[in-house]
Amino acid sequence: MNESIKELIAIGASVGAHCQPCLEYHIQAAIELGVREEDILQAVEVGHAVEKGAMAAMRDFSSAIVKELTVAAPQAILSSEQHESSSKGTAGGKVLKIYDPAMCCSSGVCGPSVDPALAQFAGALKFVSSQPGIQVERYNLGNQPQAFVENEQVKTMLGNGGEKKLPFIFVNDQLWRQGRYPSKEELLQVLGIETDETTVAIPIFSSVSPCCGEEGCC
């Protein structure tokens, strides 16, 4: 296939794709190759014919899919409500979601130098997750990027340069904290957990316990 034919095909494809810059570029390229104006116009007409056929097919498809999904909607809504009810649990039904910056492990409490704030937070989470009706979900940007993309609010904040403001912490899908890890007292208060304990057991993490062998974190 010579270059002139390639450009004619590209012209038709640009019309079908509604890409004006593409169309302008490929028409100019065709002219520089010496393609006749009549051939260029024919390629444009072919693109419009394909576009027209695709639009007709889309009309049929869209009507069919609306009917299909409308019939399926009641069952889908019921399943969604059941899932939401299950995820909220009992005794208050609080869901805590933490979106962490990229770390070498799920909690960040590994490697040759452990951040004390992360260690305290890990211990508080361990206590919180053991309470009735509390569900804890934690995502690490380094190895669970899909979770950040699937949450539209998180995705938007990251797109606006919000990576520097991680972690993002949500309670029942409402943004509660960002930019720092909360204290144990703050967690207990927002989750409505009442306890007579004055301290939460915090695991001791060695300052020389690498997560990826003798060389430390990956």
C-alpha atoms as a PDB file:
ATOM      1  CA  MET A   1       0.000   0.000   0.000  1.00  0.00           C
ATOM      2  CA  ASN A   2       1.538   3.294  -1.045  1.00  0.00           C
ATOM      3  CA  GLU A   3       1.554   6.494   1.017  1.00  0.00           C
ATOM      4  CA  SER A   4      -1.149   8.186  -1.041  1.00  0.00           C
ATOM      5  CA  ILE A   5      -3.643   5.393  -0.387  1.00  0.00           C
ATOM      6  CA  LYS A   6      -2.737   5.417   3.308  1.00  0.00           C
ATOM      7  CA  GLU A   7      -3.543   9.125   3.503  1.00  0.00           C
ATOM      8  CA  LEU A   8      -6.879   8.643   1.701  1.00  0.00           C
ATOM      9  CA  ILE A   9      -7.816   5.941   4.196  1.00  0.00           C
ATOM     10  CA  ALA A  10      -6.761   8.234   7.044  1.00  0.00           C
ATOM     11  CA  ILE A  11      -8.949  11.016   5.631  1.00  0.00           C
ATOM     12  CA  GLY A  12     -12.023   8.759   5.633  1.00  0.00           C
ATOM     13  CA  ALA A  13     -11.214   7.541   9.152  1.00  0.00           C
ATOM     14  CA  SER A  14     -10.796  11.131  10.399  1.00  0.00           C
ATOM     15  CA  VAL A  15     -14.251  12.040   9.086  1.00  0.00           C
ATOM     16  CA  GLY A  16     -15.799   8.985  10.734  1.00  0.00           C
ATOM     17  CA  ALA A  17     -14.051   9.800  14.023  1.00  0.00           C
ATOM     18  CA  HIS A  18     -15.105  13.483  13.929  1.00  0.00           C
ATOM     19  CA  CYS A  19     -11.451  14.466  14.398  1.00  0.00           C
ATOM     20  CA  GLN A  20     -11.046  17.859  12.749  1.00  0.00           C
ATOM     21  CA  PRO A  21      -7.287  18.300  13.427  1.00  0.00           C
ATOM     22  CA  CYS A  22      -6.706  14.771  12.073  1.00  0.00           C
ATOM     23  CA  LEU A  23      -8.677  15.533   8.939  1.00  0.00           C
ATOM     24  CA  GLU A  24      -6.791  18.756   8.296  1.00  0.00           C
ATOM     25  CA  TYR A  25      -3.449  17.026   8.822  1.00  0.00           C
ATOM     26  CA  HIS A  26      -4.154  14.098   6.496  1.00  0.00           C
ATOM     27  CA  ILE A  27      -5.658  16.270   3.722  1.00  0.00           C
ATOM     28  CA  GLN A  28      -2.526  18.429   3.799  1.00  0.00           C
ATOM     29  CA  ALA A  29      -0.341  15.299   3.709  1.00  0.00           C
ATOM     30  CA  ALA A  30      -2.313  13.948   0.744  1.00  0.00           C
ATOM     31  CA  ILE A  31      -1.941  17.231  -1.154  1.00  0.00           C
ATOM     32  CA  GLU A  32       1.816  17.189  -0.573  1.00  0.00           C
ATOM     33  CA  LEU A  33       1.916  13.657  -2.014  1.00  0.00           C
ATOM     34  CA  GLY A  34       0.172  14.874  -5.145  1.00  0.00           C
ATOM     35  CA  VAL A  35      -3.207  13.239  -4.496  1.00  0.00           C
ATOM     36  CA  ARG A  36      -5.935  14.714  -6.708  1.00  0.00           C
ATOM     37  CA  GLU A  37      -8.680  16.831  -5.188  1.00  0.00           C
ATOM     38  CA  GLU A  38     -11.338  14.476  -6.620  1.00  0.00           C
ATOM     39  CA  ASP A  39      -9.777  11.515  -4.791  1.00  0.00           C
ATOM     40  CA  ILE A  40      -9.633  13.454  -1.539  1.00  0.00           C
ATOM     41  CA  LEU A  41     -13.320  14.393  -1.864  1.00  0.00           C
ATOM     42  CA  GLN A  42     -14.179  10.748  -2.529  1.00  0.00           C
ATOM     43  CA  ALA A  43     -12.348   9.704   0.627  1.00  0.00           C
ATOM     44  CA  VAL A  44     -14.329  12.315   2.581  1.00  0.00           C
ATOM     45  CA  GLU A  45     -17.591  10.971   1.149  1.00  0.00           C
ATOM     46  CA  VAL A  46     -16.638   7.430   2.117  1.00  0.00           C
ATOM     47  CA  GLY A  47     -15.971   8.671   5.665  1.00  0.00           C
ATOM     48  CA  HIS A  48     -19.414  10.278   5.809  1.00  0.00           C
ATOM     49  CA  ALA A  49     -21.046   7.083   4.514  1.00  0.00           C
ATOM     50  CA  VAL A  50     -19.356   5.030   7.226  1.00  0.00           C
ATOM     51  CA  GLU A  51     -20.328   7.663   9.803  1.00  0.00           C
ATOM     52  CA  LYS A  52     -23.969   7.527   8.689  1.00  0.00           C
ATOM     53  CA  GLY A  53     -24.075   3.745   8.920  1.00  0.00           C
ATOM     54  CA  ALA A  54     -22.451   3.784  12.354  1.00  0.00           C
ATOM     55  CA  MET A  55     -24.973   6.352  13.608  1.00  0.00           C
ATOM     56  CA  ALA A  56     -27.890   4.225  12.417  1.00  0.00           C
ATOM     57  CA  ALA A  57     -26.411   1.146  14.075  1.00  0.00           C
ATOM     58  CA  MET A  58     -25.868   3.112  17.295  1.00  0.00           C
ATOM     59  CA  ARG A  59     -29.518   4.238  17.307  1.00  0.00           C
ATOM     60  CA  ASP A  60     -30.651   0.611  17.134  1.00  0.00           C
ATOM     61  CA  PHE A  61     -28.130  -0.490  19.745  1.00  0.00           C
ATOM     62  CA  SER A  62     -28.960   2.330  22.172  1.00  0.00           C
ATOM     63  CA  SER A  63     -32.687   1.575  22.018  1.00  0.00           C
ATOM     64  CA  ALA A  64     -32.064  -2.116  22.637  1.00  0.00           C
ATOM     65  CA  ILE A  65     -29.642  -1.581  25.515  1.00  0.00           C
ATOM     66  CA  VAL A  66     -32.011   0.858  27.262  1.00  0.00           C
ATOM     67  CA  LYS A  67     -34.772  -1.763  27.195  1.00  0.00           C
ATOM     68  CA  GLU A  68     -32.391  -4.473  28.381  1.00  0.00           C
ATOM     69  CA  LEU A  69     -30.991  -2.454  31.271  1.00  0.00           C
ATOM     70  CA  THR A  70     -34.414  -1.133  32.304  1.00  0.00           C
ATOM     71  CA  VAL A  71     -35.651  -4.688  32.727  1.00  0.00           C
ATOM     72  CA  ALA A  72     -32.517  -5.632  34.680  1.00  0.00           C
ATOM     73  CA  ALA A  73     -32.477  -2.473  36.837  1.00  0.00           C
ATOM     74  CA  PRO A  74     -34.783  -3.580  39.701  1.00  0.00           C
ATOM     75  CA  GLN A  75     -32.656  -6.641  40.416  1.00  0.00           C
ATOM     76  CA  ALA A  76     -29.446  -4.642  40.120  1.00  0.00           C
ATOM     77  CA  ILE A  77     -30.751  -2.012  42.569  1.00  0.00           C
ATOM     78  CA  LEU A  78     -31.752  -4.727  45.014  1.00  0.00           C
ATOM     79  CA  SER A  79     -28.308  -6.335  44.806  1.00  0.00           C
ATOM     80  CA  SER A  80     -26.654  -2.942  45.316  1.00  0.00           C
ATOM     81  CA  GLU A  81     -28.762  -2.220  48.402  1.00  0.00           C
ATOM     82  CA  GLN A  82     -27.951  -5.642  49.816  1.00  0.00           C
ATOM     83  CA  HIS A  83     -24.253  -5.064  49.242  1.00  0.00           C
ATOM     84  CA  GLU A  84     -24.381  -1.608  50.856  1.00  0.00           C
ATOM     85  CA  SER A  85     -26.233  -2.984  53.835  1.00  0.00           C
ATOM     86  CA  SER A  86     -23.682  -5.754  54.205  1.00  0.00           C
ATOM     87  CA  SER A  87     -20.697  -3.415  53.879  1.00  0.00           C
ATOM     88  CA  LYS A  88     -21.985  -1.080  56.577  1.00  0.00           C
ATOM     89  CA  GLY A  89     -22.319  -3.898  59.037  1.00  0.00           C
ATOM     90  CA  THR A  90     -24.044  -3.503  62.392  1.00  0.00           C
ATOM     91  CA  ALA A  91     -23.813  -1.342  65.523  1.00  0.00           C
ATOM     92  CA  GLY A  92     -23.464   1.962  63.724  1.00  0.00           C
ATOM     93  CA  GLY A  93     -22.251   0.583  60.414  1.00  0.00           C
ATOM     94  CA  LYS A  94     -19.151   2.748  59.858  1.00  0.00           C
ATOM     95  CA  VAL A  95     -16.833   2.145  56.887  1.00  0.00           C
ATOM     96  CA  LEU A  96     -13.346   3.621  57.167  1.00  0.00           C
ATOM     97  CA  LYS A  97     -11.364   3.875  53.930  1.00  0.00           C
ATOM     98  CA  ILE A  98      -7.717   4.935  53.847  1.00  0.00           C
ATOM     99  CA  TYR A  99      -5.954   5.864  50.612  1.00  0.00           C
ATOM    100  CA  ASP A 100      -2.229   5.839  51.409  1.00  0.00           C
ATOM    101  CA  PRO A 101       0.662   7.265  49.383  1.00  0.00           C
ATOM    102  CA  ALA A 102       2.955   4.744  47.713  1.00  0.00           C
ATOM    103  CA  MET A 103       4.639   2.683  50.429  1.00  0.00           C
ATOM    104  CA  CYS A 104       6.761  -0.450  50.345  1.00  0.00           C
ATOM    105  CA  CYS A 105       4.116  -2.473  52.193  1.00  0.00           C
ATOM    106  CA  SER A 106       0.422  -2.184  53.020  1.00  0.00           C
ATOM    107  CA  SER A 107       0.904  -0.338  56.312  1.00  0.00           C
ATOM    108  CA  GLY A 108       4.199   1.465  55.775  1.00  0.00           C
ATOM    109  CA  VAL A 109       5.617   0.076  59.006  1.00  0.00           C
ATOM    110  CA  CYS A 110       8.514  -1.815  57.493  1.00  0.00           C
ATOM    111  CA  GLY A 111      11.993  -1.134  56.261  1.00  0.00           C
ATOM    112  CA  PRO A 112      15.017   0.329  58.021  1.00  0.00           C
ATOM    113  CA  SER A 113      13.257   3.509  59.185  1.00  0.00           C
ATOM    114  CA  VAL A 114       9.683   3.439  60.484  1.00  0.00           C
ATOM    115  CA  ASP A 115       7.602   6.607  60.725  1.00  0.00           C
ATOM    116  CA  PRO A 116       6.253   6.722  64.314  1.00  0.00           C
ATOM    117  CA  ALA A 117       2.984   8.261  63.088  1.00  0.00           C
ATOM    118  CA  LEU A 118       2.431   5.262  60.792  1.00  0.00           C
ATOM    119  CA  ALA A 119       3.215   2.841  63.603  1.00  0.00           C
ATOM    120  CA  GLN A 120       0.717   4.542  65.915  1.00  0.00           C
ATOM    121  CA  PHE A 121      -1.900   4.608  63.152  1.00  0.00           C
ATOM    122  CA  ALA A 122      -1.388   0.905  62.391  1.00  0.00           C
ATOM    123  CA  GLY A 123      -1.966   0.034  66.026  1.00  0.00           C
ATOM    124  CA  ALA A 124      -5.074   2.223  66.213  1.00  0.00           C
ATOM    125  CA  LEU A 125      -6.467   0.613  63.045  1.00  0.00           C
ATOM    126  CA  LYS A 126      -5.914  -2.841  64.503  1.00  0.00           C
ATOM    127  CA  PHE A 127      -8.014  -1.874  67.507  1.00  0.00           C
ATOM    128  CA  VAL A 128     -10.692  -0.109  65.442  1.00  0.00           C
ATOM    129  CA  SER A 129     -11.118  -2.992  63.003  1.00  0.00           C
ATOM    130  CA  SER A 130     -11.826  -5.352  65.894  1.00  0.00           C
ATOM    131  CA  GLN A 131     -14.879  -3.343  66.971  1.00  0.00           C
ATOM    132  CA  PRO A 132     -18.403  -4.487  66.001  1.00  0.00           C
ATOM    133  CA  GLY A 133     -19.887  -2.690  63.001  1.00  0.00           C
ATOM    134  CA  ILE A 134     -16.603  -1.158  61.844  1.00  0.00           C
ATOM    135  CA  GLN A 135     -15.199  -2.039  58.434  1.00  0.00           C
ATOM    136  CA  VAL A 136     -11.696  -0.889  57.513  1.00  0.00           C
ATOM    137  CA  GLU A 137     -10.413  -0.734  53.927  1.00  0.00           C
ATOM    138  CA  ARG A 138      -6.898   0.430  53.191  1.00  0.00           C
ATOM    139  CA  TYR A 139      -5.331   1.046  49.780  1.00  0.00           C
ATOM    140  CA  ASN A 140      -1.700   1.689  48.861  1.00  0.00           C
ATOM    141  CA  LEU A 141      -1.045   3.846  45.776  1.00  0.00           C
ATOM    142  CA  GLY A 142       2.114   1.860  45.074  1.00  0.00           C
ATOM    143  CA  ASN A 143       0.489  -1.539  44.618  1.00  0.00           C
ATOM    144  CA  GLN A 144      -3.266  -0.849  44.440  1.00  0.00           C
ATOM    145  CA  PRO A 145      -3.576   2.046  41.946  1.00  0.00           C
ATOM    146  CA  GLN A 146      -6.844   0.655  40.549  1.00  0.00           C
ATOM    147  CA  ALA A 147      -8.625   1.432  43.826  1.00  0.00           C
ATOM    148  CA  PHE A 148      -7.645   5.105  43.438  1.00  0.00           C
ATOM    149  CA  VAL A 149      -8.986   5.196  39.876  1.00  0.00           C
ATOM    150  CA  GLU A 150     -12.287   3.519  40.770  1.00  0.00           C
ATOM    151  CA  ASN A 151     -13.146   6.157  43.396  1.00  0.00           C
ATOM    152  CA  GLU A 152     -14.150   9.238  41.374  1.00  0.00           C
ATOM    153  CA  GLN A 153     -13.490  11.695  44.208  1.00  0.00           C
ATOM    154  CA  VAL A 154     -10.034  10.263  44.882  1.00  0.00           C
ATOM    155  CA  LYS A 155      -9.281  10.191  41.156  1.00  0.00           C
ATOM    156  CA  THR A 156     -10.265  13.853  40.827  1.00  0.00           C
ATOM    157  CA  MET A 157      -8.193  14.934  43.817  1.00  0.00           C
ATOM    158  CA  LEU A 158      -5.149  13.097  42.491  1.00  0.00           C
ATOM    159  CA  GLY A 159      -5.660  14.670  39.071  1.00  0.00           C
ATOM    160  CA  ASN A 160      -5.589  18.101  40.694  1.00  0.00           C
ATOM    161  CA  GLY A 161      -2.176  17.465  42.194  1.00  0.00           C
ATOM    162  CA  GLY A 162      -3.551  15.939  45.359  1.00  0.00           C
ATOM    163  CA  GLU A 163      -0.935  13.191  45.600  1.00  0.00           C
ATOM    164  CA  LYS A 164       1.024  15.447  47.939  1.00  0.00           C
ATOM    165  CA  LYS A 165      -2.050  15.575  50.218  1.00  0.00           C
ATOM    166  CA  LEU A 166      -2.245  11.820  50.748  1.00  0.00           C
ATOM    167  CA  PRO A 167      -3.447  10.062  52.790  1.00  0.00           C
ATOM    168  CA  PHE A 168      -7.134  10.590  52.000  1.00  0.00           C
ATOM    169  CA  ILE A 169      -9.343   9.168  54.737  1.00  0.00           C
ATOM    170  CA  PHE A 170     -13.072   8.604  54.231  1.00  0.00           C
ATOM    171  CA  VAL A 171     -15.803   7.699  56.705  1.00  0.00           C
ATOM    172  CA  ASN A 172     -18.895   6.246  55.012  1.00  0.00           C
ATOM    173  CA  ASP A 173     -17.621   7.597  51.666  1.00  0.00           C
ATOM    174  CA  GLN A 174     -17.317  11.155  53.009  1.00  0.00           C
ATOM    175  CA  LEU A 175     -13.846  12.730  52.990  1.00  0.00           C
ATOM    176  CA  TRP A 176     -12.851  13.210  56.623  1.00  0.00           C
ATOM    177  CA  ARG A 177      -9.095  13.832  56.718  1.00  0.00           C
ATOM    178  CA  GLN A 178      -6.308  14.399  54.230  1.00  0.00           C
ATOM    179  CA  GLY A 179      -2.612  15.142  54.449  1.00  0.00           C
ATOM    180  CA  ARG A 180      -1.972  13.469  57.793  1.00  0.00           C
ATOM    181  CA  TYR A 181      -2.796  10.370  59.808  1.00  0.00           C
ATOM    182  CA  PRO A 182      -5.273  10.937  62.654  1.00  0.00           C
ATOM    183  CA  SER A 183      -4.585  10.068  66.264  1.00  0.00           C
ATOM    184  CA  LYS A 184      -6.246   7.174  68.028  1.00  0.00           C
ATOM    185  CA  GLU A 185      -8.550   9.572  69.859  1.00  0.00           C
ATOM    186  CA  GLU A 186      -9.689  11.183  66.609  1.00  0.00           C
ATOM    187  CA  LEU A 187     -10.461   7.783  65.091  1.00  0.00           C
ATOM    188  CA  LEU A 188     -12.467   6.658  68.097  1.00  0.00           C
ATOM    189  CA  GLN A 189     -14.444   9.893  68.119  1.00  0.00           C
ATOM    190  CA  VAL A 190     -15.372   9.965  64.422  1.00  0.00           C
ATOM    191  CA  LEU A 191     -16.312   6.278  64.457  1.00  0.00           C
ATOM    192  CA  GLY A 192     -18.358   6.630  67.625  1.00  0.00           C
ATOM    193  CA  ILE A 193     -16.338   4.042  69.536  1.00  0.00           C
ATOM    194  CA  GLU A 194     -16.566   4.365  73.289  1.00  0.00           C
ATOM    195  CA  THR A 195     -13.909   2.653  75.362  1.00  0.00           C
ATOM    196  CA  ASP A 196     -12.538   2.880  78.866  1.00  0.00           C
ATOM    197  CA  GLU A 197      -9.079   2.052  77.594  1.00  0.00           C
ATOM    198  CA  THR A 198      -6.647   4.909  77.886  1.00  0.00           C
ATOM    199  CA  THR A 199      -4.227   3.327  75.449  1.00  0.00           C
ATOM    200  CA  VAL A 200      -4.385   1.150  72.395  1.00  0.00           C
ATOM    201  CA  ALA A 201      -1.708  -1.464  72.082  1.00  0.00           C
ATOM    202  CA  ILE A 202       0.732  -0.367  69.412  1.00  0.00           C
ATOM    203  CA  PRO A 203       2.883  -3.057  67.799  1.00  0.00           C
ATOM    204  CA  ILE A 204       6.616  -2.588  68.157  1.00  0.00           C
ATOM    205  CA  PHE A 205       8.377  -2.415  64.823  1.00  0.00           C
ATOM    206  CA  SER A 206      12.108  -2.869  64.692  1.00  0.00           C
ATOM    207  CA  SER A 207      14.011   0.008  63.153  1.00  0.00           C
ATOM    208  CA  VAL A 208      16.199  -2.528  61.354  1.00  0.00           C
ATOM    209  CA  SER A 209      13.593  -4.919  59.946  1.00  0.00           C
ATOM    210  CA  PRO A 210      13.763  -4.575  56.153  1.00  0.00           C
ATOM    211  CA  CYS A 211      10.764  -5.732  54.128  1.00  0.00           C
ATOM    212  CA  CYS A 212      12.794  -6.770  51.071  1.00  0.00           C
ATOM    213  CA  GLY A 213      15.787  -8.588  52.431  1.00  0.00           C
ATOM    214  CA  GLU A 214      19.017  -7.175  53.802  1.00  0.00           C
ATOM    215  CA  GLU A 215      19.014  -4.150  51.503  1.00  0.00           C
ATOM    216  CA  GLY A 216      15.821  -2.636  52.918  1.00  0.00           C
ATOM    217  CA  CYS A 217      12.679  -1.533  51.111  1.00  0.00           C
ATOM    218  CA  CYS A 218      12.322  -1.989  47.371  1.00  0.00           C
END
